[in-house]
Amino acid sequence: MEDDYALSVEATDAELPPALAAYAAHLLRRAYIRSNLLAPEFGPGFHGASGARDFQVLDALTAPTAFSQQDLGDRLGINRTTMVKLIDRLEAAGQVTRARNPGDRRSYVLALTDGGRAAIKAMEPAMSAGDDRLTAALAPAERDRLDDLLSTLLSRTDTDGGVRRTGSLIAQSHHFVRRRIEDALTDVGLQARHFGALTVLADGPCSQQQLARRLGISEQGILQIVDDLENAGRVVRERDPQDRRRYALRLTDAGQQALGTARRVVETAEAEMGTTLGADGRAELKALLIKLVRTGIRRP
């Protein structure tokens, strides 16, 4: 499952509606997009691993846990086709090995090579600088606390080894939480992206451009979401009484009903975070993420 939101600086610097700020899952998504935008770009001199996603794959393999190709893809939010191509490239570069899983001959177990460890070492300074930019709004103690909370959410401990990297923790936490919410919403016939749009529209009609801004995604990214909801009869386009040249999106009765059901599902999933982190920990996580995502992006 890969994030299907178009990325832009304008999207991450968008307004943050209170209704969405109440959900740690939404804040993690915004932090994840911000992390991607601030991740370094590596030049052609890098062989094999050459980007932030490649780094996250190699970095994840430093853990003592043995990952299958599918498990690692799920953990990092990378779809199967993309994951196969990515591992093919890293294997060809001698940075990863892939062997049949003795417990399941249909899957592969991945392992990091010395070449993969060397690639991590070479990319580390730039990735650390990206983390510094990402967390610039946080004091050192706050950054450490954010890392602690995300590690707890992911059931990591200091004994897992390796260096804690905030960007990687945010990415993995985002995909971990999103996957659980997507699974929970299946019976409702919605996806997480639909829930966000319905939540915003519950506060009143708005234009498609306003909806994109409030969700923190590009106008291109909002098109499919609105089409899905309109086709399901949950949203209608009407002439905006404030500007007859454009349309306003309005929640229908069916949309209100779907939102009510989905809200209970999402809040149950969010409550599970409270079980893992404690009520105070969940509130602290949200406060730190709000502080992080509300800071304007400054590129190097």
C-alpha atoms as a PDB file:
ATOM      1  CA  MET A   1       0.000   0.000   0.000  1.00  0.00           C
ATOM      2  CA  GLU A   2       1.625   3.226  -1.102  1.00  0.00           C
ATOM      3  CA  ASP A   3       0.453   6.724  -0.284  1.00  0.00           C
ATOM      4  CA  ASP A   4      -1.526   8.049  -3.235  1.00  0.00           C
ATOM      5  CA  TYR A   5      -1.389  11.718  -2.275  1.00  0.00           C
ATOM      6  CA  ALA A   6       0.461  14.113  -4.555  1.00  0.00           C
ATOM      7  CA  LEU A   7       3.207  15.836  -2.639  1.00  0.00           C
ATOM      8  CA  SER A   8       3.822  19.572  -2.558  1.00  0.00           C
ATOM      9  CA  VAL A   9       5.229  22.093  -0.123  1.00  0.00           C
ATOM     10  CA  GLU A  10       1.923  23.943  -0.314  1.00  0.00           C
ATOM     11  CA  ALA A  11       0.087  20.792   0.787  1.00  0.00           C
ATOM     12  CA  THR A  12       2.145  20.329   3.929  1.00  0.00           C
ATOM     13  CA  ASP A  13       1.927  24.012   4.832  1.00  0.00           C
ATOM     14  CA  ALA A  14      -1.864  23.922   4.512  1.00  0.00           C
ATOM     15  CA  GLU A  15      -4.294  24.640   7.296  1.00  0.00           C
ATOM     16  CA  LEU A  16      -4.963  21.915   9.857  1.00  0.00           C
ATOM     17  CA  PRO A  17      -8.688  21.665  10.692  1.00  0.00           C
ATOM     18  CA  PRO A  18      -9.338  20.892  14.379  1.00  0.00           C
ATOM     19  CA  ALA A  19     -11.529  17.930  13.410  1.00  0.00           C
ATOM     20  CA  LEU A  20      -8.530  16.257  11.731  1.00  0.00           C
ATOM     21  CA  ALA A  21      -5.957  17.395  14.296  1.00  0.00           C
ATOM     22  CA  ALA A  22      -7.834  15.208  16.781  1.00  0.00           C
ATOM     23  CA  TYR A  23      -6.579  12.079  14.984  1.00  0.00           C
ATOM     24  CA  ALA A  24      -2.994  10.889  15.432  1.00  0.00           C
ATOM     25  CA  ALA A  25      -3.357   8.925  12.175  1.00  0.00           C
ATOM     26  CA  HIS A  26      -3.945  12.107  10.166  1.00  0.00           C
ATOM     27  CA  LEU A  27      -1.065  13.878  11.880  1.00  0.00           C
ATOM     28  CA  LEU A  28       1.232  10.956  11.091  1.00  0.00           C
ATOM     29  CA  ARG A  29       0.221  11.170   7.427  1.00  0.00           C
ATOM     30  CA  ARG A  30       1.083  14.871   7.305  1.00  0.00           C
ATOM     31  CA  ALA A  31       4.379  14.235   9.061  1.00  0.00           C
ATOM     32  CA  TYR A  32       5.121  11.419   6.596  1.00  0.00           C
ATOM     33  CA  ILE A  33       4.523  13.679   3.581  1.00  0.00           C
ATOM     34  CA  ARG A  34       6.700  16.372   5.155  1.00  0.00           C
ATOM     35  CA  SER A  35       9.437  13.805   5.776  1.00  0.00           C
ATOM     36  CA  ASN A  36       9.378  12.768   2.112  1.00  0.00           C
ATOM     37  CA  LEU A  37       9.640  16.363   0.962  1.00  0.00           C
ATOM     38  CA  LEU A  38      12.627  17.028   3.202  1.00  0.00           C
ATOM     39  CA  ALA A  39      14.423  13.766   2.416  1.00  0.00           C
ATOM     40  CA  PRO A  40      17.737  14.265   0.572  1.00  0.00           C
ATOM     41  CA  GLU A  41      18.238  13.428  -3.077  1.00  0.00           C
ATOM     42  CA  PHE A  42      21.359  11.442  -3.854  1.00  0.00           C
ATOM     43  CA  GLY A  43      23.370  11.956  -6.999  1.00  0.00           C
ATOM     44  CA  PRO A  44      24.282   9.473  -9.719  1.00  0.00           C
ATOM     45  CA  GLY A  45      27.438   8.525  -7.828  1.00  0.00           C
ATOM     46  CA  PHE A  46      25.367   6.291  -5.539  1.00  0.00           C
ATOM     47  CA  HIS A  47      25.166   2.713  -6.787  1.00  0.00           C
ATOM     48  CA  GLY A  48      22.107   0.638  -5.855  1.00  0.00           C
ATOM     49  CA  ALA A  49      20.471   2.527  -2.995  1.00  0.00           C
ATOM     50  CA  SER A  50      19.993   6.091  -4.200  1.00  0.00           C
ATOM     51  CA  GLY A  51      17.025   7.592  -2.387  1.00  0.00           C
ATOM     52  CA  ALA A  52      15.240   7.917   0.936  1.00  0.00           C
ATOM     53  CA  ARG A  53      12.975   4.928   0.287  1.00  0.00           C
ATOM     54  CA  ASP A  54      15.967   2.741  -0.576  1.00  0.00           C
ATOM     55  CA  PHE A  55      17.644   3.895   2.627  1.00  0.00           C
ATOM     56  CA  GLN A  56      14.549   2.984   4.655  1.00  0.00           C
ATOM     57  CA  VAL A  57      14.577  -0.519   3.165  1.00  0.00           C
ATOM     58  CA  LEU A  58      18.238  -1.053   4.044  1.00  0.00           C
ATOM     59  CA  ASP A  59      17.793   0.569   7.443  1.00  0.00           C
ATOM     60  CA  ALA A  60      14.842  -1.697   8.292  1.00  0.00           C
ATOM     61  CA  LEU A  61      17.016  -4.720   7.520  1.00  0.00           C
ATOM     62  CA  THR A  62      19.473  -3.746  10.279  1.00  0.00           C
ATOM     63  CA  ALA A  63      16.893  -4.971  12.827  1.00  0.00           C
ATOM     64  CA  PRO A  64      17.382  -8.511  14.167  1.00  0.00           C
ATOM     65  CA  THR A  65      13.964  -9.476  12.768  1.00  0.00           C
ATOM     66  CA  ALA A  66      14.054 -11.517   9.550  1.00  0.00           C
ATOM     67  CA  PHE A  67      11.714  -9.968   7.002  1.00  0.00           C
ATOM     68  CA  SER A  68      10.117 -11.547   3.998  1.00  0.00           C
ATOM     69  CA  GLN A  69       9.859  -9.341   0.939  1.00  0.00           C
ATOM     70  CA  GLN A  70       6.097  -9.008   1.479  1.00  0.00           C
ATOM     71  CA  ASP A  71       6.390  -8.262   5.195  1.00  0.00           C
ATOM     72  CA  LEU A  72       8.945  -5.525   4.589  1.00  0.00           C
ATOM     73  CA  GLY A  73       6.798  -4.030   1.831  1.00  0.00           C
ATOM     74  CA  ASP A  74       3.811  -3.939   4.185  1.00  0.00           C
ATOM     75  CA  ARG A  75       5.915  -2.400   6.931  1.00  0.00           C
ATOM     76  CA  LEU A  76       7.166   0.392   4.652  1.00  0.00           C
ATOM     77  CA  GLY A  77       3.995   0.898   2.613  1.00  0.00           C
ATOM     78  CA  ILE A  78       5.538  -0.294  -0.669  1.00  0.00           C
ATOM     79  CA  ASN A  79       3.326  -2.259  -3.037  1.00  0.00           C
ATOM     80  CA  ARG A  80       4.368  -5.684  -4.265  1.00  0.00           C
ATOM     81  CA  THR A  81       5.352  -4.713  -7.818  1.00  0.00           C
ATOM     82  CA  THR A  82       7.471  -1.777  -6.687  1.00  0.00           C
ATOM     83  CA  MET A  83       9.059  -3.845  -3.920  1.00  0.00           C
ATOM     84  CA  VAL A  84      10.127  -6.580  -6.350  1.00  0.00           C
ATOM     85  CA  LYS A  85      11.823  -4.035  -8.627  1.00  0.00           C
ATOM     86  CA  LEU A  86      13.465  -2.272  -5.703  1.00  0.00           C
ATOM     87  CA  ILE A  87      14.879  -5.485  -4.217  1.00  0.00           C
ATOM     88  CA  ASP A  88      16.013  -6.619  -7.689  1.00  0.00           C
ATOM     89  CA  ARG A  89      18.040  -3.409  -7.974  1.00  0.00           C
ATOM     90  CA  LEU A  90      19.503  -3.621  -4.458  1.00  0.00           C
ATOM     91  CA  GLU A  91      20.352  -7.290  -4.959  1.00  0.00           C
ATOM     92  CA  ALA A  92      22.067  -6.542  -8.262  1.00  0.00           C
ATOM     93  CA  ALA A  93      24.124  -3.884  -6.452  1.00  0.00           C
ATOM     94  CA  GLY A  94      25.188  -6.448  -3.849  1.00  0.00           C
ATOM     95  CA  GLN A  95      23.479  -4.631  -0.994  1.00  0.00           C
ATOM     96  CA  VAL A  96      20.749  -7.189  -0.215  1.00  0.00           C
ATOM     97  CA  THR A  97      20.444 -10.942  -0.548  1.00  0.00           C
ATOM     98  CA  ARG A  98      17.179 -12.731  -1.176  1.00  0.00           C
ATOM     99  CA  ALA A  99      16.665 -16.398  -0.316  1.00  0.00           C
ATOM    100  CA  ARG A 100      13.693 -18.738  -0.143  1.00  0.00           C
ATOM    101  CA  ASN A 101      11.974 -18.663   3.226  1.00  0.00           C
ATOM    102  CA  PRO A 102      12.391 -22.141   4.749  1.00  0.00           C
ATOM    103  CA  GLY A 103       9.122 -21.617   6.624  1.00  0.00           C
ATOM    104  CA  ASP A 104       7.220 -20.640   3.472  1.00  0.00           C
ATOM    105  CA  ARG A 105       8.765 -21.600   0.146  1.00  0.00           C
ATOM    106  CA  ARG A 106       6.485 -19.139  -1.650  1.00  0.00           C
ATOM    107  CA  SER A 107       8.201 -16.143  -0.040  1.00  0.00           C
ATOM    108  CA  TYR A 108      11.723 -14.746   0.218  1.00  0.00           C
ATOM    109  CA  VAL A 109      13.729 -13.738   3.275  1.00  0.00           C
ATOM    110  CA  LEU A 110      15.870 -10.629   2.885  1.00  0.00           C
ATOM    111  CA  ALA A 111      19.253  -9.979   4.467  1.00  0.00           C
ATOM    112  CA  LEU A 112      21.586  -6.994   4.494  1.00  0.00           C
ATOM    113  CA  THR A 113      25.084  -7.474   3.078  1.00  0.00           C
ATOM    114  CA  ASP A 114      28.324  -5.697   3.928  1.00  0.00           C
ATOM    115  CA  GLY A 115      27.703  -3.622   0.801  1.00  0.00           C
ATOM    116  CA  GLY A 116      24.292  -2.669   2.160  1.00  0.00           C
ATOM    117  CA  ARG A 117      25.826  -1.599   5.471  1.00  0.00           C
ATOM    118  CA  ALA A 118      28.377   0.486   3.577  1.00  0.00           C
ATOM    119  CA  ALA A 119      25.558   2.148   1.628  1.00  0.00           C
ATOM    120  CA  ILE A 120      23.779   3.035   4.897  1.00  0.00           C
ATOM    121  CA  LYS A 121      26.987   4.553   6.244  1.00  0.00           C
ATOM    122  CA  ALA A 122      27.480   6.632   3.082  1.00  0.00           C
ATOM    123  CA  MET A 123      23.887   7.917   3.088  1.00  0.00           C
ATOM    124  CA  GLU A 124      23.679   8.478   6.844  1.00  0.00           C
ATOM    125  CA  PRO A 125      24.994  12.091   6.993  1.00  0.00           C
ATOM    126  CA  ALA A 126      22.467  13.338   4.433  1.00  0.00           C
ATOM    127  CA  MET A 127      19.609  11.393   6.032  1.00  0.00           C
ATOM    128  CA  SER A 128      20.514  12.754   9.469  1.00  0.00           C
ATOM    129  CA  ALA A 129      20.510  16.288   8.068  1.00  0.00           C
ATOM    130  CA  GLY A 130      17.036  15.615   6.646  1.00  0.00           C
ATOM    131  CA  ASP A 131      15.862  14.483  10.079  1.00  0.00           C
ATOM    132  CA  ASP A 132      17.272  17.673  11.564  1.00  0.00           C
ATOM    133  CA  ARG A 133      15.266  19.769   9.103  1.00  0.00           C
ATOM    134  CA  LEU A 134      12.167  17.666   9.723  1.00  0.00           C
ATOM    135  CA  THR A 135      12.324  18.149  13.490  1.00  0.00           C
ATOM    136  CA  ALA A 136      13.637  21.734  13.512  1.00  0.00           C
ATOM    137  CA  ALA A 137      10.568  22.917  15.449  1.00  0.00           C
ATOM    138  CA  LEU A 138      11.210  20.457  18.276  1.00  0.00           C
ATOM    139  CA  ALA A 139      13.634  20.850  21.137  1.00  0.00           C
ATOM    140  CA  PRO A 140      16.153  17.973  21.470  1.00  0.00           C
ATOM    141  CA  ALA A 141      14.203  16.498  24.390  1.00  0.00           C
ATOM    142  CA  GLU A 142      10.972  16.699  22.376  1.00  0.00           C
ATOM    143  CA  ARG A 143      12.575  14.946  19.424  1.00  0.00           C
ATOM    144  CA  ASP A 144      13.843  12.195  21.714  1.00  0.00           C
ATOM    145  CA  ARG A 145      10.372  11.858  23.205  1.00  0.00           C
ATOM    146  CA  LEU A 146       8.782  11.653  19.745  1.00  0.00           C
ATOM    147  CA  ASP A 147      11.236   8.889  18.829  1.00  0.00           C
ATOM    148  CA  ASP A 148      10.381   7.098  22.090  1.00  0.00           C
ATOM    149  CA  LEU A 149       6.631   7.241  21.404  1.00  0.00           C
ATOM    150  CA  LEU A 150       6.954   6.093  17.805  1.00  0.00           C
ATOM    151  CA  SER A 151       9.271   3.257  18.824  1.00  0.00           C
ATOM    152  CA  THR A 152       6.731   2.147  21.431  1.00  0.00           C
ATOM    153  CA  LEU A 153       3.927   2.320  18.863  1.00  0.00           C
ATOM    154  CA  LEU A 154       5.973   0.051  16.597  1.00  0.00           C
ATOM    155  CA  SER A 155       6.955  -2.233  19.505  1.00  0.00           C
ATOM    156  CA  ARG A 156      10.638  -1.398  19.087  1.00  0.00           C
ATOM    157  CA  THR A 157      13.126  -1.396  21.929  1.00  0.00           C
ATOM    158  CA  ASP A 158      16.657  -0.085  22.332  1.00  0.00           C
ATOM    159  CA  THR A 159      17.827  -3.691  22.152  1.00  0.00           C
ATOM    160  CA  ASP A 160      16.726  -3.836  18.506  1.00  0.00           C
ATOM    161  CA  GLY A 161      20.000  -2.108  17.680  1.00  0.00           C
ATOM    162  CA  GLY A 162      20.786   0.542  15.102  1.00  0.00           C
ATOM    163  CA  VAL A 163      20.340   4.303  15.189  1.00  0.00           C
ATOM    164  CA  ARG A 164      16.860   5.720  15.699  1.00  0.00           C
ATOM    165  CA  ARG A 165      15.902   7.882  12.730  1.00  0.00           C
ATOM    166  CA  THR A 166      12.860  10.087  13.126  1.00  0.00           C
ATOM    167  CA  GLY A 167      11.944  10.110   9.432  1.00  0.00           C
ATOM    168  CA  SER A 168      12.014   6.317   9.221  1.00  0.00           C
ATOM    169  CA  LEU A 169      10.011   5.981  12.450  1.00  0.00           C
ATOM    170  CA  ILE A 170       7.381   8.399  11.128  1.00  0.00           C
ATOM    171  CA  ALA A 171       7.140   6.563   7.798  1.00  0.00           C
ATOM    172  CA  GLN A 172       6.785   3.154   9.423  1.00  0.00           C
ATOM    173  CA  SER A 173       4.330   4.442  12.049  1.00  0.00           C
ATOM    174  CA  HIS A 174       2.218   6.095   9.363  1.00  0.00           C
ATOM    175  CA  HIS A 175       1.978   2.907   7.315  1.00  0.00           C
ATOM    176  CA  PHE A 176       1.401   0.762  10.406  1.00  0.00           C
ATOM    177  CA  VAL A 177      -1.506   2.910  11.624  1.00  0.00           C
ATOM    178  CA  ARG A 178      -2.945   3.513   8.162  1.00  0.00           C
ATOM    179  CA  ARG A 179      -2.986  -0.204   7.377  1.00  0.00           C
ATOM    180  CA  ARG A 180      -4.936  -0.914  10.569  1.00  0.00           C
ATOM    181  CA  ILE A 181      -7.436   1.852   9.803  1.00  0.00           C
ATOM    182  CA  GLU A 182      -7.837   0.761   6.168  1.00  0.00           C
ATOM    183  CA  ASP A 183      -8.537  -2.790   7.326  1.00  0.00           C
ATOM    184  CA  ALA A 184     -11.055  -1.534   9.879  1.00  0.00           C
ATOM    185  CA  LEU A 185     -12.846   0.634   7.287  1.00  0.00           C
ATOM    186  CA  THR A 186     -13.230  -2.164   4.739  1.00  0.00           C
ATOM    187  CA  ASP A 187     -16.681  -3.170   5.992  1.00  0.00           C
ATOM    188  CA  VAL A 188     -17.820   0.465   5.813  1.00  0.00           C
ATOM    189  CA  GLY A 189     -16.845   0.699   2.143  1.00  0.00           C
ATOM    190  CA  LEU A 190     -14.479   3.604   2.758  1.00  0.00           C
ATOM    191  CA  GLN A 191     -10.769   4.269   2.765  1.00  0.00           C
ATOM    192  CA  ALA A 192      -8.802   6.513   5.096  1.00  0.00           C
ATOM    193  CA  ARG A 193      -8.633   9.244   2.441  1.00  0.00           C
ATOM    194  CA  HIS A 194     -12.446   9.229   2.144  1.00  0.00           C
ATOM    195  CA  PHE A 195     -12.823   9.517   5.902  1.00  0.00           C
ATOM    196  CA  GLY A 196     -10.670  12.645   5.959  1.00  0.00           C
ATOM    197  CA  ALA A 197     -12.741  14.312   3.234  1.00  0.00           C
ATOM    198  CA  LEU A 198     -16.053  13.441   4.918  1.00  0.00           C
ATOM    199  CA  THR A 199     -14.727  14.765   8.226  1.00  0.00           C
ATOM    200  CA  VAL A 200     -13.849  18.130   6.680  1.00  0.00           C
ATOM    201  CA  LEU A 201     -17.150  18.414   4.792  1.00  0.00           C
ATOM    202  CA  ALA A 202     -19.085  17.701   7.995  1.00  0.00           C
ATOM    203  CA  ASP A 203     -18.131  21.235   9.064  1.00  0.00           C
ATOM    204  CA  GLY A 204     -19.951  22.662   6.052  1.00  0.00           C
ATOM    205  CA  PRO A 205     -19.801  22.849   2.241  1.00  0.00           C
ATOM    206  CA  CYS A 206     -16.576  23.985   0.624  1.00  0.00           C
ATOM    207  CA  SER A 207     -14.979  24.111  -2.794  1.00  0.00           C
ATOM    208  CA  GLN A 208     -12.809  21.320  -4.119  1.00  0.00           C
ATOM    209  CA  GLN A 209      -9.769  23.596  -3.787  1.00  0.00           C
ATOM    210  CA  GLN A 210     -10.609  24.362  -0.157  1.00  0.00           C
ATOM    211  CA  LEU A 211     -11.073  20.671   0.572  1.00  0.00           C
ATOM    212  CA  ALA A 212      -7.640  19.886  -0.893  1.00  0.00           C
ATOM    213  CA  ARG A 213      -6.054  22.612   1.227  1.00  0.00           C
ATOM    214  CA  ARG A 214      -7.746  21.458   4.428  1.00  0.00           C
ATOM    215  CA  LEU A 215      -6.745  17.859   3.820  1.00  0.00           C
ATOM    216  CA  GLY A 216      -3.176  18.897   3.069  1.00  0.00           C
ATOM    217  CA  ILE A 217      -3.038  17.378  -0.422  1.00  0.00           C
ATOM    218  CA  SER A 218      -2.755  18.782  -3.921  1.00  0.00           C
ATOM    219  CA  GLU A 219      -5.791  19.664  -6.037  1.00  0.00           C
ATOM    220  CA  GLN A 220      -4.833  16.831  -8.384  1.00  0.00           C
ATOM    221  CA  GLY A 221      -4.860  14.413  -5.473  1.00  0.00           C
ATOM    222  CA  ILE A 222      -8.383  15.413  -4.429  1.00  0.00           C
ATOM    223  CA  LEU A 223     -10.006  14.565  -7.764  1.00  0.00           C
ATOM    224  CA  GLN A 224     -10.249  10.795  -7.252  1.00  0.00           C
ATOM    225  CA  ILE A 225     -11.424  11.200  -3.664  1.00  0.00           C
ATOM    226  CA  VAL A 226     -14.298  13.484  -4.672  1.00  0.00           C
ATOM    227  CA  ASP A 227     -15.214  11.271  -7.623  1.00  0.00           C
ATOM    228  CA  ASP A 228     -15.348   8.202  -5.350  1.00  0.00           C
ATOM    229  CA  LEU A 229     -17.601   9.941  -2.826  1.00  0.00           C
ATOM    230  CA  GLU A 230     -19.835  11.459  -5.472  1.00  0.00           C
ATOM    231  CA  ASN A 231     -20.269   8.119  -7.269  1.00  0.00           C
ATOM    232  CA  ALA A 232     -21.235   6.528  -3.936  1.00  0.00           C
ATOM    233  CA  GLY A 233     -23.848   9.237  -3.337  1.00  0.00           C
ATOM    234  CA  ARG A 234     -22.061  10.554  -0.261  1.00  0.00           C
ATOM    235  CA  VAL A 235     -21.136  13.961  -1.679  1.00  0.00           C
ATOM    236  CA  VAL A 236     -22.831  16.247  -4.205  1.00  0.00           C
ATOM    237  CA  ARG A 237     -21.491  19.171  -6.216  1.00  0.00           C
ATOM    238  CA  GLU A 238     -23.658  22.260  -6.087  1.00  0.00           C
ATOM    239  CA  ARG A 239     -23.217  25.824  -7.250  1.00  0.00           C
ATOM    240  CA  ASP A 240     -21.421  27.854  -4.597  1.00  0.00           C
ATOM    241  CA  PRO A 241     -23.864  30.555  -3.426  1.00  0.00           C
ATOM    242  CA  GLN A 242     -20.866  32.810  -2.719  1.00  0.00           C
ATOM    243  CA  ASP A 243     -19.450  32.399  -6.238  1.00  0.00           C
ATOM    244  CA  ARG A 244     -21.749  31.034  -8.955  1.00  0.00           C
ATOM    245  CA  ARG A 245     -18.747  30.334 -11.195  1.00  0.00           C
ATOM    246  CA  ARG A 246     -17.601  27.447  -9.040  1.00  0.00           C
ATOM    247  CA  TYR A 247     -19.028  24.413  -7.269  1.00  0.00           C
ATOM    248  CA  ALA A 248     -19.252  23.660  -3.574  1.00  0.00           C
ATOM    249  CA  LEU A 249     -19.113  20.114  -2.212  1.00  0.00           C
ATOM    250  CA  ARG A 250     -21.804  19.116   0.253  1.00  0.00           C
ATOM    251  CA  LEU A 251     -22.251  16.017   2.384  1.00  0.00           C
ATOM    252  CA  THR A 252     -25.434  14.060   1.655  1.00  0.00           C
ATOM    253  CA  ASP A 253     -27.522  12.152   4.198  1.00  0.00           C
ATOM    254  CA  ALA A 254     -25.755   8.995   3.012  1.00  0.00           C
ATOM    255  CA  GLY A 255     -22.433  10.739   3.552  1.00  0.00           C
ATOM    256  CA  GLN A 256     -23.404  11.765   7.070  1.00  0.00           C
ATOM    257  CA  GLN A 257     -24.413   8.206   7.872  1.00  0.00           C
ATOM    258  CA  ALA A 258     -21.203   6.766   6.412  1.00  0.00           C
ATOM    259  CA  LEU A 259     -19.139   9.282   8.369  1.00  0.00           C
ATOM    260  CA  GLY A 260     -20.870   8.393  11.635  1.00  0.00           C
ATOM    261  CA  THR A 261     -20.107   4.714  11.148  1.00  0.00           C
ATOM    262  CA  ALA A 262     -16.548   5.365   9.966  1.00  0.00           C
ATOM    263  CA  ARG A 263     -15.858   7.731  12.845  1.00  0.00           C
ATOM    264  CA  ARG A 264     -16.639   5.005  15.370  1.00  0.00           C
ATOM    265  CA  VAL A 265     -14.338   2.614  13.524  1.00  0.00           C
ATOM    266  CA  VAL A 266     -11.465   5.108  13.329  1.00  0.00           C
ATOM    267  CA  GLU A 267     -11.854   6.195  16.948  1.00  0.00           C
ATOM    268  CA  THR A 268     -11.657   2.552  18.010  1.00  0.00           C
ATOM    269  CA  ALA A 269      -8.405   2.202  16.076  1.00  0.00           C
ATOM    270  CA  GLU A 270      -7.128   5.426  17.638  1.00  0.00           C
ATOM    271  CA  ALA A 271      -8.075   4.151  21.092  1.00  0.00           C
ATOM    272  CA  GLU A 272      -5.851   1.137  20.463  1.00  0.00           C
ATOM    273  CA  MET A 273      -2.966   3.605  20.185  1.00  0.00           C
ATOM    274  CA  GLY A 274      -3.939   4.807  23.640  1.00  0.00           C
ATOM    275  CA  THR A 275      -3.732   1.230  24.868  1.00  0.00           C
ATOM    276  CA  THR A 276      -0.185   0.982  23.501  1.00  0.00           C
ATOM    277  CA  LEU A 277       1.034   4.444  24.470  1.00  0.00           C
ATOM    278  CA  GLY A 278      -1.257   5.245  27.388  1.00  0.00           C
ATOM    279  CA  ALA A 279      -3.758   8.099  27.256  1.00  0.00           C
ATOM    280  CA  ASP A 280      -1.081  10.640  28.180  1.00  0.00           C
ATOM    281  CA  GLY A 281       1.323   9.190  25.615  1.00  0.00           C
ATOM    282  CA  ARG A 282      -1.216   9.420  22.824  1.00  0.00           C
ATOM    283  CA  ALA A 283      -1.988  13.052  23.715  1.00  0.00           C
ATOM    284  CA  GLU A 284       1.731  13.806  23.862  1.00  0.00           C
ATOM    285  CA  LEU A 285       2.286  12.194  20.453  1.00  0.00           C
ATOM    286  CA  LYS A 286      -0.427  14.345  18.905  1.00  0.00           C
ATOM    287  CA  ALA A 287       0.952  17.518  20.481  1.00  0.00           C
ATOM    288  CA  LEU A 288       4.461  16.815  19.177  1.00  0.00           C
ATOM    289  CA  LEU A 289       3.202  15.973  15.681  1.00  0.00           C
ATOM    290  CA  ILE A 290       1.071  19.132  15.562  1.00  0.00           C
ATOM    291  CA  LYS A 291       4.120  21.190  16.474  1.00  0.00           C
ATOM    292  CA  LEU A 292       6.155  19.427  13.792  1.00  0.00           C
ATOM    293  CA  VAL A 293       3.633  19.728  10.929  1.00  0.00           C
ATOM    294  CA  ARG A 294       2.617  23.319  11.634  1.00  0.00           C
ATOM    295  CA  THR A 295       6.121  24.608  11.003  1.00  0.00           C
ATOM    296  CA  GLY A 296       6.722  25.983   7.507  1.00  0.00           C
ATOM    297  CA  ILE A 297       9.099  23.998   5.344  1.00  0.00           C
ATOM    298  CA  ARG A 298      12.516  25.488   4.724  1.00  0.00           C
ATOM    299  CA  ARG A 299      14.486  23.614   2.125  1.00  0.00           C
ATOM    300  CA  PRO A 300      18.294  23.454   2.405  1.00  0.00           C
END
